[in-house]
Amino acid sequence: MDSFRAAAFVAASVFLMLTATKASACSCGESDAKEKFAQADLVIKGRMKTVTYGIEMPDSESTGEIPRLTRGEVEIEKVLKGTFKEKTVSVYTGSGLGDCGRLGEFINAAVYYEHKEFGVFELGLVKTEFAGQTFYMSSICDYAKGPKVDEQKTP
């Protein structure tokens, strides 16, 4: 009976190892808001108009599955650092499940899009070029500043 339990345990362990997904974790270096602001290529103040999950971004270095990202369309109220002439910018981020993405923050910002106080935020963006196109990315390791929340004014 003990050998059966041992065999079952080994079989279950092997099954779990074969079916387990690759674990990953987000790791950001230690830096304060001023340092993060300085590291950003572009810092904007605006409102999240829409959020789309599952955008496939081809990666020439990827040998496996194509990364699926989140794209947020941000209406720019003011450019705080850098130069950007358009009124909206597409910002890409991960899902937040170990990839340092801001999916939850993007959705929350979109929910409060029309709210006078809670809809406006600041976001530091990293500019990247791929296949002749410019993309702006943001992660939880980058600069961000949300609205100041007053306990009595919380919606």
N, C-alpha and C. Protein backbone atom coordinates (compact mmCIF):
# COMPACT_ATOMS: atom_id res chain seq x y z
N MET A 1 0.81 -1.20 0.00
CA MET A 1 0.00 0.00 0.00
C MET A 1 0.86 1.27 0.00
N ASP A 2 1.97 1.23 0.76
CA ASP A 2 2.85 2.39 0.81
C ASP A 2 3.49 2.66 -0.55
N SER A 3 3.82 1.61 -1.28
CA SER A 3 4.42 1.81 -2.61
C SER A 3 3.40 2.41 -3.57
N PHE A 4 2.13 2.07 -3.40
CA PHE A 4 1.08 2.67 -4.24
C PHE A 4 0.98 4.17 -3.97
N ARG A 5 1.01 4.55 -2.70
CA ARG A 5 0.94 5.98 -2.34
C ARG A 5 2.15 6.73 -2.88
N ALA A 6 3.31 6.13 -2.76
CA ALA A 6 4.53 6.77 -3.26
C ALA A 6 4.46 6.94 -4.78
N ALA A 7 3.99 5.90 -5.47
CA ALA A 7 3.88 5.97 -6.93
C ALA A 7 2.85 7.03 -7.33
N ALA A 8 1.74 7.09 -6.60
CA ALA A 8 0.70 8.08 -6.90
C ALA A 8 1.24 9.49 -6.67
N PHE A 9 2.00 9.66 -5.59
CA PHE A 9 2.59 10.97 -5.29
C PHE A 9 3.57 11.39 -6.39
N VAL A 10 4.43 10.47 -6.80
CA VAL A 10 5.40 10.77 -7.86
C VAL A 10 4.67 11.09 -9.16
N ALA A 11 3.65 10.30 -9.50
CA ALA A 11 2.89 10.54 -10.74
C ALA A 11 2.20 11.89 -10.69
N ALA A 12 1.61 12.23 -9.56
CA ALA A 12 0.93 13.52 -9.43
C ALA A 12 1.94 14.67 -9.54
N SER A 13 3.10 14.50 -8.92
CA SER A 13 4.13 15.55 -9.00
C SER A 13 4.62 15.76 -10.42
N VAL A 14 4.84 14.65 -11.14
CA VAL A 14 5.28 14.75 -12.53
C VAL A 14 4.20 15.42 -13.37
N PHE A 15 2.94 15.04 -13.15
CA PHE A 15 1.83 15.65 -13.89
C PHE A 15 1.77 17.15 -13.65
N LEU A 16 1.90 17.56 -12.40
CA LEU A 16 1.86 18.99 -12.08
C LEU A 16 3.03 19.74 -12.72
N MET A 17 4.21 19.14 -12.72
CA MET A 17 5.37 19.80 -13.34
C MET A 17 5.18 19.95 -14.84
N LEU A 18 4.57 18.95 -15.46
CA LEU A 18 4.39 19.00 -16.91
C LEU A 18 3.30 19.98 -17.33
N THR A 19 2.30 20.16 -16.47
CA THR A 19 1.18 21.02 -16.84
C THR A 19 1.26 22.42 -16.25
N ALA A 20 2.18 22.65 -15.35
CA ALA A 20 2.29 23.96 -14.71
C ALA A 20 2.75 24.99 -15.73
N THR A 21 2.18 26.18 -15.61
CA THR A 21 2.61 27.26 -16.49
C THR A 21 3.88 27.89 -15.92
N LYS A 22 4.59 28.52 -16.78
CA LYS A 22 5.83 29.17 -16.38
C LYS A 22 5.51 30.31 -15.41
N ALA A 23 6.12 30.29 -14.25
CA ALA A 23 5.89 31.33 -13.25
C ALA A 23 6.81 32.51 -13.53
N SER A 24 6.30 33.68 -13.28
CA SER A 24 7.12 34.87 -13.44
C SER A 24 6.70 35.89 -12.40
N ALA A 25 7.59 36.79 -12.11
CA ALA A 25 7.30 37.82 -11.14
C ALA A 25 7.87 39.14 -11.63
N CYS A 26 7.21 40.19 -11.23
CA CYS A 26 7.66 41.52 -11.60
C CYS A 26 8.67 41.99 -10.55
N SER A 27 9.72 42.59 -11.02
CA SER A 27 10.73 43.12 -10.12
C SER A 27 11.16 44.50 -10.62
N CYS A 28 10.91 45.50 -9.82
CA CYS A 28 11.31 46.87 -10.16
C CYS A 28 12.47 47.27 -9.25
N GLY A 29 13.38 48.04 -9.78
CA GLY A 29 14.46 48.57 -8.96
C GLY A 29 13.93 49.61 -7.99
N GLU A 30 14.70 49.90 -6.98
CA GLU A 30 14.31 50.91 -6.00
C GLU A 30 14.51 52.31 -6.58
N SER A 31 13.44 53.06 -6.70
CA SER A 31 13.55 54.46 -7.14
C SER A 31 12.30 55.21 -6.69
N ASP A 32 12.47 56.50 -6.44
CA ASP A 32 11.33 57.30 -5.99
C ASP A 32 10.64 57.94 -7.20
N ALA A 33 9.57 58.67 -6.93
CA ALA A 33 8.77 59.27 -8.00
C ALA A 33 9.58 60.23 -8.87
N LYS A 34 10.48 61.01 -8.25
CA LYS A 34 11.30 61.95 -9.03
C LYS A 34 12.21 61.21 -10.00
N GLU A 35 12.80 60.12 -9.55
CA GLU A 35 13.67 59.34 -10.43
C GLU A 35 12.88 58.69 -11.56
N LYS A 36 11.70 58.18 -11.24
CA LYS A 36 10.85 57.56 -12.27
C LYS A 36 10.41 58.60 -13.30
N PHE A 37 10.07 59.80 -12.83
CA PHE A 37 9.69 60.89 -13.73
C PHE A 37 10.85 61.20 -14.67
N ALA A 38 12.05 61.30 -14.11
CA ALA A 38 13.24 61.63 -14.91
C ALA A 38 13.55 60.54 -15.93
N GLN A 39 13.26 59.29 -15.62
CA GLN A 39 13.56 58.17 -16.52
C GLN A 39 12.56 58.06 -17.67
N ALA A 40 11.38 58.65 -17.53
CA ALA A 40 10.35 58.54 -18.57
C ALA A 40 10.72 59.34 -19.81
N ASP A 41 10.38 58.81 -20.97
CA ASP A 41 10.58 59.54 -22.23
C ASP A 41 9.50 60.60 -22.42
N LEU A 42 8.30 60.30 -21.94
CA LEU A 42 7.16 61.19 -22.08
C LEU A 42 6.31 61.05 -20.83
N VAL A 43 5.89 62.17 -20.25
CA VAL A 43 4.97 62.14 -19.11
C VAL A 43 3.76 62.97 -19.49
N ILE A 44 2.59 62.34 -19.36
CA ILE A 44 1.35 63.01 -19.75
C ILE A 44 0.39 63.08 -18.57
N LYS A 45 -0.51 64.03 -18.65
CA LYS A 45 -1.62 64.14 -17.71
C LYS A 45 -2.87 64.02 -18.56
N GLY A 46 -3.75 63.09 -18.20
CA GLY A 46 -4.93 62.90 -19.02
C GLY A 46 -5.94 61.94 -18.43
N ARG A 47 -6.82 61.45 -19.31
CA ARG A 47 -7.91 60.55 -18.92
C ARG A 47 -7.89 59.32 -19.81
N MET A 48 -8.15 58.16 -19.21
CA MET A 48 -8.20 56.90 -19.94
C MET A 48 -9.57 56.77 -20.60
N LYS A 49 -9.58 56.87 -21.92
CA LYS A 49 -10.84 56.82 -22.67
C LYS A 49 -11.33 55.39 -22.87
N THR A 50 -10.46 54.51 -23.36
CA THR A 50 -10.84 53.11 -23.58
C THR A 50 -9.68 52.20 -23.21
N VAL A 51 -10.02 50.94 -22.92
CA VAL A 51 -9.02 49.91 -22.63
C VAL A 51 -9.37 48.68 -23.45
N THR A 52 -8.37 48.15 -24.15
CA THR A 52 -8.56 46.93 -24.93
C THR A 52 -7.54 45.90 -24.47
N TYR A 53 -8.03 44.72 -24.08
CA TYR A 53 -7.15 43.65 -23.62
C TYR A 53 -6.98 42.61 -24.72
N GLY A 54 -5.79 42.06 -24.83
CA GLY A 54 -5.54 40.99 -25.78
C GLY A 54 -4.92 41.43 -27.08
N ILE A 55 -4.32 42.60 -27.10
CA ILE A 55 -3.65 43.10 -28.29
C ILE A 55 -2.39 42.27 -28.51
N GLU A 56 -2.27 41.66 -29.67
CA GLU A 56 -1.09 40.86 -29.96
C GLU A 56 0.00 41.75 -30.54
N MET A 57 1.13 41.74 -29.90
CA MET A 57 2.27 42.53 -30.33
C MET A 57 3.34 41.58 -30.85
N PRO A 58 3.58 41.56 -32.15
CA PRO A 58 4.62 40.68 -32.66
C PRO A 58 5.97 41.07 -32.09
N ASP A 59 6.75 40.08 -31.74
CA ASP A 59 8.06 40.31 -31.16
C ASP A 59 9.08 39.48 -31.93
N SER A 60 10.00 40.14 -32.60
CA SER A 60 10.98 39.44 -33.42
C SER A 60 11.90 38.55 -32.59
N GLU A 61 12.02 38.82 -31.30
CA GLU A 61 12.89 38.02 -30.44
C GLU A 61 12.16 36.86 -29.80
N SER A 62 10.84 36.83 -29.88
CA SER A 62 10.05 35.78 -29.25
C SER A 62 10.09 34.50 -30.07
N THR A 63 10.36 33.40 -29.40
CA THR A 63 10.38 32.11 -30.08
C THR A 63 9.11 31.32 -29.78
N GLY A 64 8.31 31.78 -28.87
CA GLY A 64 7.11 31.06 -28.48
C GLY A 64 5.86 31.83 -28.83
N GLU A 65 4.98 31.91 -27.87
CA GLU A 65 3.71 32.58 -28.11
C GLU A 65 3.90 34.09 -28.22
N ILE A 66 2.99 34.72 -28.94
CA ILE A 66 3.04 36.17 -29.13
C ILE A 66 2.49 36.84 -27.87
N PRO A 67 3.21 37.81 -27.32
CA PRO A 67 2.72 38.49 -26.12
C PRO A 67 1.38 39.19 -26.37
N ARG A 68 0.47 39.07 -25.42
CA ARG A 68 -0.82 39.75 -25.50
C ARG A 68 -0.80 40.87 -24.48
N LEU A 69 -0.99 42.07 -24.97
CA LEU A 69 -0.90 43.25 -24.12
C LEU A 69 -2.24 43.95 -23.98
N THR A 70 -2.24 44.95 -23.13
CA THR A 70 -3.39 45.82 -22.94
C THR A 70 -3.05 47.16 -23.57
N ARG A 71 -4.02 47.73 -24.30
CA ARG A 71 -3.82 49.05 -24.90
C ARG A 71 -4.85 50.00 -24.30
N GLY A 72 -4.36 51.11 -23.77
CA GLY A 72 -5.24 52.15 -23.26
C GLY A 72 -5.14 53.37 -24.15
N GLU A 73 -6.28 53.94 -24.49
CA GLU A 73 -6.31 55.19 -25.27
C GLU A 73 -6.48 56.33 -24.28
N VAL A 74 -5.46 57.17 -24.18
CA VAL A 74 -5.46 58.25 -23.20
C VAL A 74 -5.66 59.59 -23.91
N GLU A 75 -6.66 60.34 -23.45
CA GLU A 75 -6.86 61.71 -23.93
C GLU A 75 -5.93 62.61 -23.13
N ILE A 76 -5.06 63.29 -23.83
CA ILE A 76 -4.04 64.11 -23.16
C ILE A 76 -4.58 65.50 -22.85
N GLU A 77 -4.48 65.87 -21.57
CA GLU A 77 -4.83 67.22 -21.16
C GLU A 77 -3.59 68.11 -21.16
N LYS A 78 -2.43 67.50 -20.83
CA LYS A 78 -1.20 68.27 -20.77
C LYS A 78 0.00 67.32 -20.87
N VAL A 79 1.02 67.76 -21.61
CA VAL A 79 2.29 67.02 -21.66
C VAL A 79 3.20 67.65 -20.61
N LEU A 80 3.61 66.84 -19.63
CA LEU A 80 4.43 67.33 -18.52
C LEU A 80 5.93 67.19 -18.79
N LYS A 81 6.28 66.26 -19.67
CA LYS A 81 7.68 66.05 -20.04
C LYS A 81 7.72 65.47 -21.44
N GLY A 82 8.62 65.97 -22.26
CA GLY A 82 8.75 65.48 -23.62
C GLY A 82 7.88 66.27 -24.59
N THR A 83 7.79 65.77 -25.81
CA THR A 83 7.00 66.42 -26.85
C THR A 83 6.06 65.41 -27.47
N PHE A 84 4.78 65.79 -27.56
CA PHE A 84 3.77 64.96 -28.21
C PHE A 84 2.68 65.89 -28.70
N LYS A 85 2.42 65.87 -29.99
CA LYS A 85 1.50 66.84 -30.58
C LYS A 85 0.06 66.37 -30.70
N GLU A 86 -0.17 65.07 -30.62
CA GLU A 86 -1.53 64.53 -30.77
C GLU A 86 -2.35 64.77 -29.50
N LYS A 87 -3.67 64.63 -29.62
CA LYS A 87 -4.58 64.79 -28.48
C LYS A 87 -4.80 63.49 -27.72
N THR A 88 -4.51 62.35 -28.37
CA THR A 88 -4.62 61.05 -27.71
C THR A 88 -3.36 60.24 -27.98
N VAL A 89 -3.07 59.31 -27.08
CA VAL A 89 -1.92 58.43 -27.25
C VAL A 89 -2.34 57.01 -26.85
N SER A 90 -1.89 56.04 -27.63
CA SER A 90 -2.08 54.63 -27.28
C SER A 90 -0.95 54.23 -26.36
N VAL A 91 -1.30 53.69 -25.20
CA VAL A 91 -0.31 53.26 -24.22
C VAL A 91 -0.48 51.76 -24.01
N TYR A 92 0.62 51.03 -24.13
CA TYR A 92 0.59 49.58 -23.99
C TYR A 92 1.16 49.16 -22.65
N THR A 93 0.57 48.12 -22.06
CA THR A 93 1.04 47.58 -20.80
C THR A 93 0.72 46.10 -20.76
N GLY A 94 1.29 45.39 -19.79
CA GLY A 94 1.00 43.98 -19.62
C GLY A 94 -0.28 43.77 -18.83
N SER A 95 -0.53 42.52 -18.48
CA SER A 95 -1.76 42.20 -17.77
C SER A 95 -1.63 42.35 -16.26
N GLY A 96 -0.40 42.49 -15.79
CA GLY A 96 -0.20 42.65 -14.36
C GLY A 96 -0.01 41.34 -13.62
N LEU A 97 0.00 40.23 -14.33
CA LEU A 97 0.17 38.92 -13.71
C LEU A 97 1.63 38.50 -13.78
N GLY A 98 2.49 39.25 -13.11
CA GLY A 98 3.91 38.94 -13.10
C GLY A 98 4.69 39.67 -14.17
N ASP A 99 4.02 40.40 -15.04
CA ASP A 99 4.72 41.09 -16.13
C ASP A 99 4.83 42.59 -15.90
N CYS A 100 4.54 43.04 -14.71
CA CYS A 100 4.63 44.45 -14.31
C CYS A 100 3.58 45.33 -14.99
N GLY A 101 2.55 44.75 -15.55
CA GLY A 101 1.54 45.52 -16.27
C GLY A 101 0.59 46.28 -15.38
N ARG A 102 -0.13 47.21 -15.99
CA ARG A 102 -1.06 48.09 -15.29
C ARG A 102 -2.51 47.84 -15.69
N LEU A 103 -2.88 46.63 -16.06
CA LEU A 103 -4.24 46.36 -16.51
C LEU A 103 -5.28 46.87 -15.52
N GLY A 104 -5.13 46.55 -14.26
CA GLY A 104 -6.09 46.99 -13.24
C GLY A 104 -6.19 48.50 -13.15
N GLU A 105 -5.06 49.17 -13.19
CA GLU A 105 -5.05 50.63 -13.13
C GLU A 105 -5.70 51.24 -14.38
N PHE A 106 -5.44 50.64 -15.54
CA PHE A 106 -6.04 51.14 -16.78
C PHE A 106 -7.57 51.03 -16.71
N ILE A 107 -8.06 49.88 -16.26
CA ILE A 107 -9.51 49.68 -16.18
C ILE A 107 -10.12 50.66 -15.19
N ASN A 108 -9.50 50.80 -14.03
CA ASN A 108 -9.99 51.74 -13.02
C ASN A 108 -10.05 53.16 -13.57
N ALA A 109 -9.00 53.57 -14.27
CA ALA A 109 -8.97 54.92 -14.85
C ALA A 109 -10.07 55.10 -15.89
N ALA A 110 -10.35 54.06 -16.67
CA ALA A 110 -11.40 54.15 -17.69
C ALA A 110 -12.78 54.25 -17.06
N VAL A 111 -12.98 53.54 -15.94
CA VAL A 111 -14.27 53.60 -15.24
C VAL A 111 -14.56 55.03 -14.80
N TYR A 112 -13.54 55.75 -14.37
CA TYR A 112 -13.70 57.12 -13.88
C TYR A 112 -13.41 58.17 -14.95
N TYR A 113 -13.47 57.79 -16.19
CA TYR A 113 -13.14 58.69 -17.31
C TYR A 113 -13.83 60.05 -17.20
N GLU A 114 -15.11 60.07 -16.93
CA GLU A 114 -15.87 61.34 -16.91
C GLU A 114 -15.91 62.01 -15.54
N HIS A 115 -15.37 61.37 -14.52
CA HIS A 115 -15.41 61.94 -13.18
C HIS A 115 -14.45 63.12 -13.10
N LYS A 116 -14.95 64.24 -12.59
CA LYS A 116 -14.19 65.49 -12.55
C LYS A 116 -12.87 65.35 -11.78
N GLU A 117 -12.90 64.67 -10.63
CA GLU A 117 -11.70 64.58 -9.80
C GLU A 117 -10.92 63.29 -9.99
N PHE A 118 -11.60 62.17 -10.14
CA PHE A 118 -10.92 60.87 -10.15
C PHE A 118 -10.49 60.41 -11.54
N GLY A 119 -10.91 61.11 -12.57
CA GLY A 119 -10.59 60.68 -13.92
C GLY A 119 -9.22 61.07 -14.42
N VAL A 120 -8.62 62.09 -13.83
CA VAL A 120 -7.34 62.61 -14.33
C VAL A 120 -6.17 61.95 -13.58
N PHE A 121 -5.15 61.57 -14.34
CA PHE A 121 -3.96 60.96 -13.76
C PHE A 121 -2.74 61.35 -14.58
N GLU A 122 -1.57 61.11 -14.03
CA GLU A 122 -0.31 61.34 -14.73
C GLU A 122 0.35 59.99 -14.97
N LEU A 123 0.98 59.86 -16.13
CA LEU A 123 1.57 58.57 -16.50
C LEU A 123 2.89 58.79 -17.22
N GLY A 124 3.93 58.13 -16.74
CA GLY A 124 5.23 58.15 -17.40
C GLY A 124 5.29 57.06 -18.46
N LEU A 125 5.74 57.41 -19.64
CA LEU A 125 5.76 56.46 -20.76
C LEU A 125 7.18 56.25 -21.26
N VAL A 126 7.43 55.03 -21.70
CA VAL A 126 8.70 54.67 -22.31
C VAL A 126 8.45 54.50 -23.80
N LYS A 127 9.22 55.20 -24.60
CA LYS A 127 9.06 55.16 -26.06
C LYS A 127 9.88 54.00 -26.61
N THR A 128 9.28 53.23 -27.51
CA THR A 128 9.99 52.12 -28.14
C THR A 128 9.64 52.08 -29.63
N GLU A 129 10.56 51.62 -30.42
CA GLU A 129 10.36 51.50 -31.87
C GLU A 129 10.29 50.03 -32.24
N PHE A 130 9.35 49.67 -33.10
CA PHE A 130 9.26 48.30 -33.59
C PHE A 130 8.69 48.31 -35.00
N ALA A 131 9.39 47.67 -35.90
CA ALA A 131 8.96 47.54 -37.30
C ALA A 131 8.60 48.91 -37.89
N GLY A 132 9.41 49.92 -37.56
CA GLY A 132 9.20 51.25 -38.11
C GLY A 132 8.09 52.05 -37.46
N GLN A 133 7.50 51.53 -36.38
CA GLN A 133 6.43 52.24 -35.69
C GLN A 133 6.88 52.60 -34.28
N THR A 134 6.32 53.69 -33.76
CA THR A 134 6.61 54.12 -32.40
C THR A 134 5.49 53.66 -31.48
N PHE A 135 5.87 53.08 -30.36
CA PHE A 135 4.91 52.64 -29.35
C PHE A 135 5.30 53.25 -28.02
N TYR A 136 4.30 53.51 -27.18
CA TYR A 136 4.53 53.99 -25.83
C TYR A 136 4.06 52.93 -24.85
N MET A 137 4.93 52.60 -23.91
CA MET A 137 4.66 51.55 -22.93
C MET A 137 4.69 52.15 -21.52
N SER A 138 3.99 51.47 -20.60
CA SER A 138 4.04 51.85 -19.19
C SER A 138 3.89 50.59 -18.35
N SER A 139 4.61 50.53 -17.25
CA SER A 139 4.51 49.41 -16.33
C SER A 139 4.45 49.96 -14.91
N ILE A 140 4.24 49.07 -13.96
CA ILE A 140 4.19 49.52 -12.57
C ILE A 140 5.55 50.01 -12.08
N CYS A 141 6.58 49.78 -12.88
CA CYS A 141 7.93 50.27 -12.53
C CYS A 141 8.14 51.71 -13.00
N ASP A 142 7.20 52.23 -13.79
CA ASP A 142 7.32 53.58 -14.34
C ASP A 142 6.53 54.58 -13.50
N TYR A 143 6.77 55.85 -13.76
CA TYR A 143 6.11 56.94 -13.04
C TYR A 143 4.60 56.92 -13.26
N ALA A 144 3.86 57.14 -12.20
CA ALA A 144 2.40 57.31 -12.28
C ALA A 144 1.95 58.09 -11.05
N LYS A 145 0.95 58.91 -11.26
CA LYS A 145 0.38 59.68 -10.15
C LYS A 145 -1.12 59.78 -10.39
N GLY A 146 -1.87 59.23 -9.46
CA GLY A 146 -3.32 59.28 -9.56
C GLY A 146 -3.87 60.49 -8.84
N PRO A 147 -5.18 60.63 -8.85
CA PRO A 147 -5.80 61.75 -8.15
C PRO A 147 -5.65 61.58 -6.64
N LYS A 148 -5.59 62.69 -5.95
CA LYS A 148 -5.54 62.64 -4.49
C LYS A 148 -6.93 62.26 -4.01
N VAL A 149 -6.98 61.22 -3.20
CA VAL A 149 -8.27 60.72 -2.72
C VAL A 149 -8.52 61.24 -1.32
N ASP A 150 -9.61 61.95 -1.17
CA ASP A 150 -10.06 62.44 0.12
C ASP A 150 -11.11 61.44 0.60
N GLU A 151 -10.93 60.90 1.79
CA GLU A 151 -11.84 59.87 2.30
C GLU A 151 -13.31 60.29 2.23
N GLN A 152 -13.61 61.55 2.44
CA GLN A 152 -14.99 62.01 2.43
C GLN A 152 -15.53 62.18 1.02
N LYS A 153 -14.66 62.26 0.01
CA LYS A 153 -15.10 62.47 -1.36
C LYS A 153 -15.07 61.19 -2.19
N THR A 154 -14.69 60.07 -1.58
CA THR A 154 -14.60 58.82 -2.33
C THR A 154 -15.96 58.48 -2.92
N PRO A 155 -15.99 58.18 -4.25
CA PRO A 155 -17.28 57.88 -4.88
C PRO A 155 -17.85 56.57 -4.42
